[in-house]
Amino acid sequence: MASGLVKQLIPSSRSITLRPVSTTDGDLLFHLYVSTCENELAWVDWDNATKESFLQMQFQAQQTHYQSYFIHDDHHVIELDGMPIGRMYLSYSPDEIRLLDITLLPGYRNQGIGTALLQDVIHQAKVTKRPVQLYVFKDNMGAFRFYQRLGFTLCGDTGVHFVMEWSSACLSP
């Protein structure tokens, strides 16, 4: 999927590619999951073993959910110059493209990689005339603002998540 749009945002000496998640990616996927929970767990007065156990349980629940409900969709590892640095899960239906998850390892955030990948997804949406929808935790305002900068608008609220959508119909002429 990494099209010419990705190549325009990332220096030409760098290569971003997507490959399907494999059974050998468990440690990477767990590490990515943990990287998204560190702020919340900093407030919990648990020992490290309890935190690890909790994170393993939550990670397994998330993986089971993705594998049960989105089994035929795209679950990709993001690689930079052949090194795994993140994940991007997409679901395609005739009516929409849904971004299920995009996570980069902390050292690779805020470098334009996520922007480039999402611009590719938006390009797919334009070509196929479908909106892109995603859910973002309400307490993750950094991600919320990031999606807003890419043209996503707030279109719903589940109580826990904001529902956001990018649609060519929402763009001004």
N, C-alpha and C. Protein backbone atom coordinates (compact mmCIF):
# COMPACT_ATOMS: atom_id res chain seq x y z
N MET A 1 0.81 -1.19 0.00
CA MET A 1 0.00 0.00 0.00
C MET A 1 0.86 1.26 0.00
N ALA A 2 2.01 1.25 0.57
CA ALA A 2 2.80 2.47 0.69
C ALA A 2 3.06 3.07 -0.68
N SER A 3 2.29 4.05 -1.01
CA SER A 3 2.29 4.63 -2.36
C SER A 3 3.26 5.79 -2.46
N GLY A 4 3.15 6.49 -3.55
CA GLY A 4 3.97 7.67 -3.78
C GLY A 4 3.74 8.75 -2.76
N LEU A 5 2.55 8.82 -2.15
CA LEU A 5 2.30 9.83 -1.13
C LEU A 5 3.23 9.65 0.05
N VAL A 6 3.45 8.39 0.46
CA VAL A 6 4.35 8.13 1.57
C VAL A 6 5.75 8.60 1.19
N LYS A 7 6.16 8.29 -0.01
CA LYS A 7 7.50 8.64 -0.45
C LYS A 7 7.70 10.16 -0.49
N GLN A 8 6.64 10.93 -0.71
CA GLN A 8 6.77 12.39 -0.76
C GLN A 8 7.03 12.98 0.63
N LEU A 9 6.49 12.36 1.69
CA LEU A 9 6.62 12.91 3.03
C LEU A 9 7.86 12.42 3.78
N ILE A 10 8.34 11.26 3.43
CA ILE A 10 9.47 10.66 4.12
C ILE A 10 10.70 10.84 3.24
N PRO A 11 11.84 11.18 3.81
CA PRO A 11 13.05 11.35 2.98
C PRO A 11 13.27 10.14 2.07
N SER A 12 13.74 10.41 0.86
CA SER A 12 13.86 9.35 -0.14
C SER A 12 14.82 8.25 0.31
N SER A 13 15.68 8.53 1.26
CA SER A 13 16.60 7.50 1.74
C SER A 13 15.91 6.51 2.69
N ARG A 14 14.67 6.78 3.09
CA ARG A 14 13.92 5.92 4.01
C ARG A 14 12.83 5.20 3.23
N SER A 15 12.53 3.99 3.66
CA SER A 15 11.51 3.19 2.99
C SER A 15 10.50 2.68 4.00
N ILE A 16 9.24 3.08 3.82
CA ILE A 16 8.15 2.59 4.66
C ILE A 16 7.40 1.53 3.87
N THR A 17 7.23 0.38 4.48
CA THR A 17 6.47 -0.70 3.83
C THR A 17 5.51 -1.30 4.85
N LEU A 18 4.52 -1.97 4.33
CA LEU A 18 3.57 -2.72 5.15
C LEU A 18 3.68 -4.18 4.76
N ARG A 19 3.62 -5.04 5.77
CA ARG A 19 3.58 -6.48 5.51
C ARG A 19 2.54 -7.08 6.43
N PRO A 20 1.96 -8.19 6.03
CA PRO A 20 0.95 -8.82 6.89
C PRO A 20 1.56 -9.23 8.24
N VAL A 21 0.77 -9.11 9.29
CA VAL A 21 1.18 -9.59 10.61
C VAL A 21 1.37 -11.10 10.51
N SER A 22 2.43 -11.59 11.14
CA SER A 22 2.67 -13.04 11.15
C SER A 22 2.67 -13.55 12.59
N THR A 23 2.70 -14.85 12.72
CA THR A 23 2.67 -15.47 14.05
C THR A 23 3.93 -15.14 14.85
N THR A 24 4.99 -14.69 14.20
CA THR A 24 6.23 -14.35 14.90
C THR A 24 6.24 -12.91 15.42
N ASP A 25 5.17 -12.17 15.20
CA ASP A 25 5.12 -10.76 15.58
C ASP A 25 4.53 -10.51 16.97
N GLY A 26 4.29 -11.55 17.73
CA GLY A 26 3.63 -11.39 19.03
C GLY A 26 4.33 -10.43 19.97
N ASP A 27 5.65 -10.54 20.10
CA ASP A 27 6.38 -9.66 21.01
C ASP A 27 6.29 -8.20 20.56
N LEU A 28 6.43 -7.97 19.25
CA LEU A 28 6.32 -6.60 18.72
C LEU A 28 4.93 -6.04 19.01
N LEU A 29 3.89 -6.81 18.72
CA LEU A 29 2.53 -6.33 18.92
C LEU A 29 2.25 -6.04 20.39
N PHE A 30 2.77 -6.90 21.28
CA PHE A 30 2.59 -6.67 22.71
C PHE A 30 3.33 -5.38 23.12
N HIS A 31 4.55 -5.22 22.66
CA HIS A 31 5.33 -4.02 22.99
C HIS A 31 4.60 -2.76 22.50
N LEU A 32 4.02 -2.82 21.31
CA LEU A 32 3.25 -1.68 20.79
C LEU A 32 2.05 -1.39 21.69
N TYR A 33 1.34 -2.44 22.08
CA TYR A 33 0.19 -2.27 22.96
C TYR A 33 0.61 -1.62 24.29
N VAL A 34 1.67 -2.14 24.89
CA VAL A 34 2.16 -1.60 26.16
C VAL A 34 2.51 -0.13 26.02
N SER A 35 3.09 0.25 24.88
CA SER A 35 3.50 1.64 24.68
C SER A 35 2.31 2.60 24.69
N THR A 36 1.11 2.09 24.45
CA THR A 36 -0.07 2.95 24.45
C THR A 36 -0.72 3.03 25.83
N CYS A 37 -0.25 2.22 26.77
CA CYS A 37 -0.87 2.15 28.10
C CYS A 37 -0.01 2.73 29.21
N GLU A 38 1.20 3.12 28.91
CA GLU A 38 2.15 3.51 29.95
C GLU A 38 1.65 4.68 30.80
N ASN A 39 1.03 5.68 30.20
CA ASN A 39 0.56 6.82 30.98
C ASN A 39 -0.52 6.42 31.99
N GLU A 40 -1.45 5.58 31.56
CA GLU A 40 -2.53 5.16 32.44
C GLU A 40 -2.00 4.32 33.60
N LEU A 41 -1.05 3.42 33.30
CA LEU A 41 -0.55 2.53 34.34
C LEU A 41 0.38 3.24 35.33
N ALA A 42 0.88 4.39 34.95
CA ALA A 42 1.74 5.14 35.87
C ALA A 42 0.97 5.55 37.13
N TRP A 43 -0.34 5.65 37.02
CA TRP A 43 -1.18 6.08 38.14
C TRP A 43 -1.61 4.92 39.04
N VAL A 44 -1.37 3.70 38.60
CA VAL A 44 -1.84 2.52 39.34
C VAL A 44 -0.74 2.05 40.30
N ASP A 45 -1.12 1.80 41.53
CA ASP A 45 -0.16 1.36 42.55
C ASP A 45 -0.05 -0.17 42.56
N TRP A 46 0.45 -0.72 41.46
CA TRP A 46 0.64 -2.16 41.33
C TRP A 46 2.12 -2.44 41.18
N ASP A 47 2.53 -3.65 41.60
CA ASP A 47 3.91 -4.04 41.35
C ASP A 47 4.06 -4.41 39.87
N ASN A 48 5.28 -4.54 39.42
CA ASN A 48 5.54 -4.78 38.00
C ASN A 48 4.93 -6.09 37.50
N ALA A 49 4.94 -7.13 38.33
CA ALA A 49 4.37 -8.42 37.93
C ALA A 49 2.86 -8.30 37.71
N THR A 50 2.18 -7.55 38.56
CA THR A 50 0.74 -7.35 38.40
C THR A 50 0.45 -6.55 37.14
N LYS A 51 1.25 -5.50 36.91
CA LYS A 51 1.07 -4.70 35.69
C LYS A 51 1.28 -5.56 34.46
N GLU A 52 2.32 -6.36 34.45
CA GLU A 52 2.63 -7.24 33.31
C GLU A 52 1.47 -8.21 33.06
N SER A 53 0.97 -8.80 34.12
CA SER A 53 -0.15 -9.75 33.99
C SER A 53 -1.39 -9.05 33.43
N PHE A 54 -1.69 -7.88 33.96
CA PHE A 54 -2.83 -7.11 33.48
C PHE A 54 -2.67 -6.76 32.00
N LEU A 55 -1.48 -6.28 31.62
CA LEU A 55 -1.23 -5.91 30.23
C LEU A 55 -1.34 -7.11 29.31
N GLN A 56 -0.83 -8.26 29.73
CA GLN A 56 -0.94 -9.47 28.91
C GLN A 56 -2.41 -9.84 28.70
N MET A 57 -3.20 -9.76 29.77
CA MET A 57 -4.62 -10.10 29.68
C MET A 57 -5.35 -9.13 28.73
N GLN A 58 -5.10 -7.84 28.89
CA GLN A 58 -5.75 -6.85 28.03
C GLN A 58 -5.31 -7.00 26.57
N PHE A 59 -4.02 -7.23 26.35
CA PHE A 59 -3.51 -7.42 25.01
C PHE A 59 -4.16 -8.64 24.35
N GLN A 60 -4.24 -9.74 25.07
CA GLN A 60 -4.87 -10.94 24.52
C GLN A 60 -6.34 -10.70 24.19
N ALA A 61 -7.04 -9.95 25.03
CA ALA A 61 -8.45 -9.61 24.76
C ALA A 61 -8.55 -8.78 23.48
N GLN A 62 -7.65 -7.81 23.31
CA GLN A 62 -7.67 -6.98 22.11
C GLN A 62 -7.39 -7.83 20.87
N GLN A 63 -6.37 -8.68 20.95
CA GLN A 63 -6.02 -9.54 19.81
C GLN A 63 -7.18 -10.46 19.45
N THR A 64 -7.80 -11.04 20.46
CA THR A 64 -8.94 -11.93 20.22
C THR A 64 -10.07 -11.18 19.54
N HIS A 65 -10.31 -9.96 19.98
CA HIS A 65 -11.37 -9.14 19.37
C HIS A 65 -11.06 -8.89 17.89
N TYR A 66 -9.84 -8.43 17.60
CA TYR A 66 -9.47 -8.17 16.20
C TYR A 66 -9.56 -9.44 15.36
N GLN A 67 -9.09 -10.55 15.89
CA GLN A 67 -9.08 -11.80 15.12
C GLN A 67 -10.48 -12.39 14.96
N SER A 68 -11.38 -12.08 15.89
CA SER A 68 -12.75 -12.61 15.81
C SER A 68 -13.64 -11.78 14.91
N TYR A 69 -13.53 -10.47 15.01
CA TYR A 69 -14.45 -9.59 14.30
C TYR A 69 -13.90 -9.02 13.00
N PHE A 70 -12.59 -9.04 12.84
CA PHE A 70 -11.97 -8.44 11.65
C PHE A 70 -10.98 -9.41 11.02
N ILE A 71 -11.38 -10.66 10.92
CA ILE A 71 -10.48 -11.72 10.48
C ILE A 71 -10.05 -11.58 9.01
N HIS A 72 -10.89 -11.03 8.18
CA HIS A 72 -10.58 -10.94 6.74
C HIS A 72 -10.07 -9.56 6.35
N ASP A 73 -9.70 -8.77 7.31
CA ASP A 73 -9.24 -7.42 7.03
C ASP A 73 -7.72 -7.35 7.04
N ASP A 74 -7.19 -6.18 6.78
CA ASP A 74 -5.74 -5.99 6.68
C ASP A 74 -5.13 -5.69 8.04
N HIS A 75 -4.31 -6.60 8.52
CA HIS A 75 -3.55 -6.41 9.75
C HIS A 75 -2.09 -6.37 9.32
N HIS A 76 -1.49 -5.18 9.38
CA HIS A 76 -0.13 -5.00 8.87
C HIS A 76 0.85 -4.56 9.94
N VAL A 77 2.09 -4.99 9.76
CA VAL A 77 3.22 -4.46 10.51
C VAL A 77 3.81 -3.35 9.64
N ILE A 78 4.09 -2.22 10.25
CA ILE A 78 4.73 -1.10 9.56
C ILE A 78 6.23 -1.28 9.71
N GLU A 79 6.94 -1.22 8.60
CA GLU A 79 8.39 -1.34 8.65
C GLU A 79 9.03 -0.08 8.08
N LEU A 80 10.10 0.34 8.71
CA LEU A 80 10.91 1.45 8.22
C LEU A 80 12.28 0.87 7.90
N ASP A 81 12.65 0.94 6.63
CA ASP A 81 13.91 0.37 6.17
C ASP A 81 14.05 -1.10 6.60
N GLY A 82 12.93 -1.83 6.54
CA GLY A 82 12.93 -3.26 6.85
C GLY A 82 12.83 -3.60 8.34
N MET A 83 12.79 -2.59 9.20
CA MET A 83 12.71 -2.83 10.64
C MET A 83 11.27 -2.57 11.11
N PRO A 84 10.67 -3.53 11.83
CA PRO A 84 9.30 -3.33 12.31
C PRO A 84 9.22 -2.22 13.35
N ILE A 85 8.32 -1.26 13.12
CA ILE A 85 8.20 -0.10 14.01
C ILE A 85 6.76 0.19 14.41
N GLY A 86 5.80 -0.58 13.90
CA GLY A 86 4.42 -0.28 14.24
C GLY A 86 3.44 -1.26 13.63
N ARG A 87 2.17 -0.92 13.79
CA ARG A 87 1.10 -1.74 13.21
C ARG A 87 0.02 -0.82 12.68
N MET A 88 -0.67 -1.30 11.65
CA MET A 88 -1.83 -0.60 11.11
C MET A 88 -2.85 -1.65 10.69
N TYR A 89 -4.04 -1.55 11.29
CA TYR A 89 -5.12 -2.48 10.99
C TYR A 89 -6.24 -1.70 10.32
N LEU A 90 -6.67 -2.20 9.16
CA LEU A 90 -7.74 -1.57 8.40
C LEU A 90 -8.83 -2.58 8.11
N SER A 91 -10.06 -2.11 8.08
CA SER A 91 -11.20 -2.94 7.70
C SER A 91 -11.89 -2.27 6.52
N TYR A 92 -12.21 -3.07 5.52
CA TYR A 92 -12.84 -2.55 4.31
C TYR A 92 -14.24 -3.12 4.16
N SER A 93 -15.18 -2.25 3.89
CA SER A 93 -16.54 -2.68 3.54
C SER A 93 -16.94 -1.89 2.30
N PRO A 94 -18.03 -2.27 1.65
CA PRO A 94 -18.45 -1.50 0.48
C PRO A 94 -18.76 -0.04 0.80
N ASP A 95 -19.11 0.24 2.08
CA ASP A 95 -19.54 1.58 2.46
C ASP A 95 -18.46 2.45 3.10
N GLU A 96 -17.37 1.84 3.59
CA GLU A 96 -16.36 2.62 4.29
C GLU A 96 -15.04 1.87 4.39
N ILE A 97 -14.01 2.63 4.73
CA ILE A 97 -12.74 2.09 5.18
C ILE A 97 -12.66 2.46 6.65
N ARG A 98 -12.39 1.49 7.50
CA ARG A 98 -12.30 1.77 8.92
C ARG A 98 -10.86 1.55 9.38
N LEU A 99 -10.29 2.58 10.00
CA LEU A 99 -8.99 2.45 10.63
C LEU A 99 -9.22 1.87 12.01
N LEU A 100 -8.84 0.61 12.18
CA LEU A 100 -9.02 -0.05 13.46
C LEU A 100 -7.93 0.33 14.44
N ASP A 101 -6.71 0.48 13.94
CA ASP A 101 -5.59 0.78 14.82
C ASP A 101 -4.40 1.23 14.00
N ILE A 102 -3.72 2.22 14.48
CA ILE A 102 -2.39 2.57 13.98
C ILE A 102 -1.57 2.96 15.20
N THR A 103 -0.46 2.27 15.38
CA THR A 103 0.43 2.52 16.51
C THR A 103 1.87 2.40 16.04
N LEU A 104 2.66 3.38 16.42
CA LEU A 104 4.10 3.36 16.15
C LEU A 104 4.83 3.27 17.48
N LEU A 105 5.99 2.62 17.46
CA LEU A 105 6.83 2.62 18.65
C LEU A 105 7.17 4.07 19.00
N PRO A 106 7.29 4.39 20.28
CA PRO A 106 7.48 5.78 20.70
C PRO A 106 8.60 6.51 19.97
N GLY A 107 9.70 5.89 19.69
CA GLY A 107 10.82 6.56 19.02
C GLY A 107 10.56 6.94 17.57
N TYR A 108 9.44 6.47 17.01
CA TYR A 108 9.13 6.74 15.61
C TYR A 108 7.90 7.63 15.44
N ARG A 109 7.36 8.10 16.54
CA ARG A 109 6.20 8.98 16.49
C ARG A 109 6.65 10.41 16.16
N ASN A 110 5.74 11.18 15.61
CA ASN A 110 5.98 12.59 15.29
C ASN A 110 7.11 12.79 14.28
N GLN A 111 7.22 11.86 13.34
CA GLN A 111 8.22 11.98 12.27
C GLN A 111 7.57 11.98 10.89
N GLY A 112 6.24 12.02 10.84
CA GLY A 112 5.55 12.04 9.56
C GLY A 112 5.16 10.68 9.03
N ILE A 113 5.54 9.62 9.72
CA ILE A 113 5.26 8.27 9.24
C ILE A 113 3.76 7.98 9.29
N GLY A 114 3.13 8.24 10.42
CA GLY A 114 1.68 8.03 10.54
C GLY A 114 0.90 8.91 9.58
N THR A 115 1.34 10.15 9.44
CA THR A 115 0.69 11.07 8.50
C THR A 115 0.75 10.51 7.09
N ALA A 116 1.92 10.05 6.70
CA ALA A 116 2.09 9.52 5.35
C ALA A 116 1.21 8.30 5.12
N LEU A 117 1.17 7.40 6.09
CA LEU A 117 0.35 6.20 5.93
C LEU A 117 -1.14 6.54 5.87
N LEU A 118 -1.58 7.47 6.72
CA LEU A 118 -2.99 7.84 6.69
C LEU A 118 -3.35 8.62 5.43
N GLN A 119 -2.41 9.38 4.90
CA GLN A 119 -2.69 10.03 3.62
C GLN A 119 -2.86 9.00 2.51
N ASP A 120 -2.16 7.89 2.60
CA ASP A 120 -2.38 6.80 1.65
C ASP A 120 -3.79 6.22 1.81
N VAL A 121 -4.23 6.05 3.05
CA VAL A 121 -5.58 5.53 3.30
C VAL A 121 -6.61 6.52 2.76
N ILE A 122 -6.40 7.81 2.99
CA ILE A 122 -7.31 8.83 2.47
C ILE A 122 -7.32 8.81 0.94
N HIS A 123 -6.17 8.60 0.34
CA HIS A 123 -6.11 8.50 -1.13
C HIS A 123 -6.96 7.31 -1.61
N GLN A 124 -6.86 6.17 -0.92
CA GLN A 124 -7.71 5.01 -1.26
C GLN A 124 -9.18 5.39 -1.15
N ALA A 125 -9.52 6.13 -0.10
CA ALA A 125 -10.91 6.54 0.11
C ALA A 125 -11.39 7.43 -1.02
N LYS A 126 -10.55 8.35 -1.46
CA LYS A 126 -10.92 9.23 -2.57
C LYS A 126 -11.16 8.43 -3.84
N VAL A 127 -10.25 7.51 -4.12
CA VAL A 127 -10.34 6.71 -5.35
C VAL A 127 -11.58 5.83 -5.34
N THR A 128 -11.90 5.25 -4.18
CA THR A 128 -13.03 4.33 -4.09
C THR A 128 -14.32 5.01 -3.65
N LYS A 129 -14.23 6.34 -3.43
CA LYS A 129 -15.40 7.14 -3.03
C LYS A 129 -16.07 6.60 -1.76
N ARG A 130 -15.23 6.33 -0.76
CA ARG A 130 -15.71 5.86 0.54
C ARG A 130 -15.15 6.76 1.63
N PRO A 131 -15.87 6.92 2.73
CA PRO A 131 -15.31 7.64 3.88
C PRO A 131 -14.34 6.73 4.64
N VAL A 132 -13.53 7.35 5.47
CA VAL A 132 -12.67 6.63 6.41
C VAL A 132 -13.20 6.95 7.80
N GLN A 133 -13.44 5.91 8.59
CA GLN A 133 -13.95 6.12 9.93
C GLN A 133 -12.98 5.51 10.94
N LEU A 134 -12.92 6.11 12.13
CA LEU A 134 -12.07 5.60 13.20
C LEU A 134 -12.66 5.99 14.54
N TYR A 135 -12.19 5.31 15.57
CA TYR A 135 -12.56 5.61 16.95
C TYR A 135 -11.28 6.03 17.67
N VAL A 136 -11.36 7.07 18.48
CA VAL A 136 -10.22 7.52 19.26
C VAL A 136 -10.67 7.70 20.71
N PHE A 137 -9.87 7.18 21.65
CA PHE A 137 -10.21 7.35 23.06
C PHE A 137 -10.36 8.82 23.38
N LYS A 138 -11.38 9.14 24.16
CA LYS A 138 -11.66 10.54 24.49
C LYS A 138 -10.52 11.20 25.27
N ASP A 139 -9.75 10.42 26.00
CA ASP A 139 -8.65 11.01 26.75
C ASP A 139 -7.36 11.12 25.93
N ASN A 140 -7.42 10.78 24.66
CA ASN A 140 -6.24 10.87 23.79
C ASN A 140 -6.39 12.07 22.85
N MET A 141 -6.30 13.25 23.44
CA MET A 141 -6.52 14.47 22.66
C MET A 141 -5.41 14.72 21.65
N GLY A 142 -4.22 14.21 21.90
CA GLY A 142 -3.15 14.33 20.91
C GLY A 142 -3.53 13.63 19.62
N ALA A 143 -4.05 12.41 19.73
CA ALA A 143 -4.49 11.68 18.55
C ALA A 143 -5.69 12.37 17.91
N PHE A 144 -6.60 12.86 18.73
CA PHE A 144 -7.78 13.56 18.21
C PHE A 144 -7.35 14.74 17.33
N ARG A 145 -6.43 15.55 17.83
CA ARG A 145 -5.94 16.71 17.06
C ARG A 145 -5.19 16.27 15.80
N PHE A 146 -4.43 15.19 15.91
CA PHE A 146 -3.72 14.64 14.76
C PHE A 146 -4.71 14.30 13.64
N TYR A 147 -5.77 13.58 13.99
CA TYR A 147 -6.78 13.21 12.98
C TYR A 147 -7.49 14.45 12.43
N GLN A 148 -7.75 15.43 13.29
CA GLN A 148 -8.36 16.68 12.80
C GLN A 148 -7.48 17.35 11.75
N ARG A 149 -6.17 17.38 11.99
CA ARG A 149 -5.25 18.00 11.03
C ARG A 149 -5.29 17.29 9.68
N LEU A 150 -5.62 16.00 9.68
CA LEU A 150 -5.71 15.24 8.43
C LEU A 150 -7.08 15.36 7.77
N GLY A 151 -7.99 16.13 8.38
CA GLY A 151 -9.30 16.36 7.78
C GLY A 151 -10.42 15.51 8.34
N PHE A 152 -10.16 14.77 9.41
CA PHE A 152 -11.22 13.98 10.04
C PHE A 152 -12.08 14.93 10.89
N THR A 153 -13.37 14.65 10.92
CA THR A 153 -14.28 15.45 11.73
C THR A 153 -15.00 14.55 12.73
N LEU A 154 -15.39 15.16 13.83
CA LEU A 154 -16.12 14.44 14.86
C LEU A 154 -17.51 14.13 14.35
N CYS A 155 -17.91 12.86 14.42
CA CYS A 155 -19.25 12.51 13.94
C CYS A 155 -20.02 11.65 14.93
N GLY A 156 -19.44 11.38 16.10
CA GLY A 156 -20.15 10.59 17.08
C GLY A 156 -19.38 10.48 18.38
N ASP A 157 -20.06 9.93 19.40
CA ASP A 157 -19.48 9.80 20.73
C ASP A 157 -20.07 8.55 21.35
N THR A 158 -19.21 7.58 21.68
CA THR A 158 -19.70 6.34 22.28
C THR A 158 -19.70 6.39 23.81
N GLY A 159 -19.23 7.49 24.36
CA GLY A 159 -19.05 7.59 25.80
C GLY A 159 -17.58 7.41 26.17
N VAL A 160 -16.92 6.45 25.56
CA VAL A 160 -15.50 6.18 25.79
C VAL A 160 -14.66 6.72 24.63
N HIS A 161 -15.22 6.65 23.43
CA HIS A 161 -14.50 7.06 22.22
C HIS A 161 -15.21 8.20 21.50
N PHE A 162 -14.44 9.00 20.79
CA PHE A 162 -14.99 9.87 19.77
C PHE A 162 -14.97 9.08 18.47
N VAL A 163 -16.02 9.20 17.70
CA VAL A 163 -16.06 8.61 16.36
C VAL A 163 -15.71 9.74 15.40
N MET A 164 -14.72 9.49 14.55
CA MET A 164 -14.27 10.51 13.61
C MET A 164 -14.36 9.94 12.20
N GLU A 165 -14.55 10.85 11.25
CA GLU A 165 -14.68 10.41 9.86
C GLU A 165 -14.01 11.41 8.93
N TRP A 166 -13.34 10.86 7.93
CA TRP A 166 -12.86 11.66 6.81
C TRP A 166 -13.76 11.30 5.64
N SER A 167 -14.26 12.32 4.96
CA SER A 167 -15.09 12.09 3.80
C SER A 167 -14.86 13.21 2.81
N SER A 168 -14.79 12.86 1.54
CA SER A 168 -14.61 13.89 0.53
C SER A 168 -15.82 14.83 0.52
N ALA A 169 -16.98 14.35 1.00
CA ALA A 169 -18.17 15.20 1.05
C ALA A 169 -18.02 16.30 2.10
N CYS A 170 -17.09 16.11 3.06
CA CYS A 170 -16.90 17.10 4.12
C CYS A 170 -15.88 18.16 3.73
N LEU A 171 -15.20 17.99 2.63
CA LEU A 171 -14.17 18.93 2.24
C LEU A 171 -14.78 20.14 1.54
N SER A 172 -14.23 21.30 1.81
CA SER A 172 -14.72 22.49 1.13
C SER A 172 -14.13 22.53 -0.28
N PRO A 173 -14.90 23.07 -1.26
CA PRO A 173 -14.42 23.07 -2.65
C PRO A 173 -13.21 23.93 -2.87
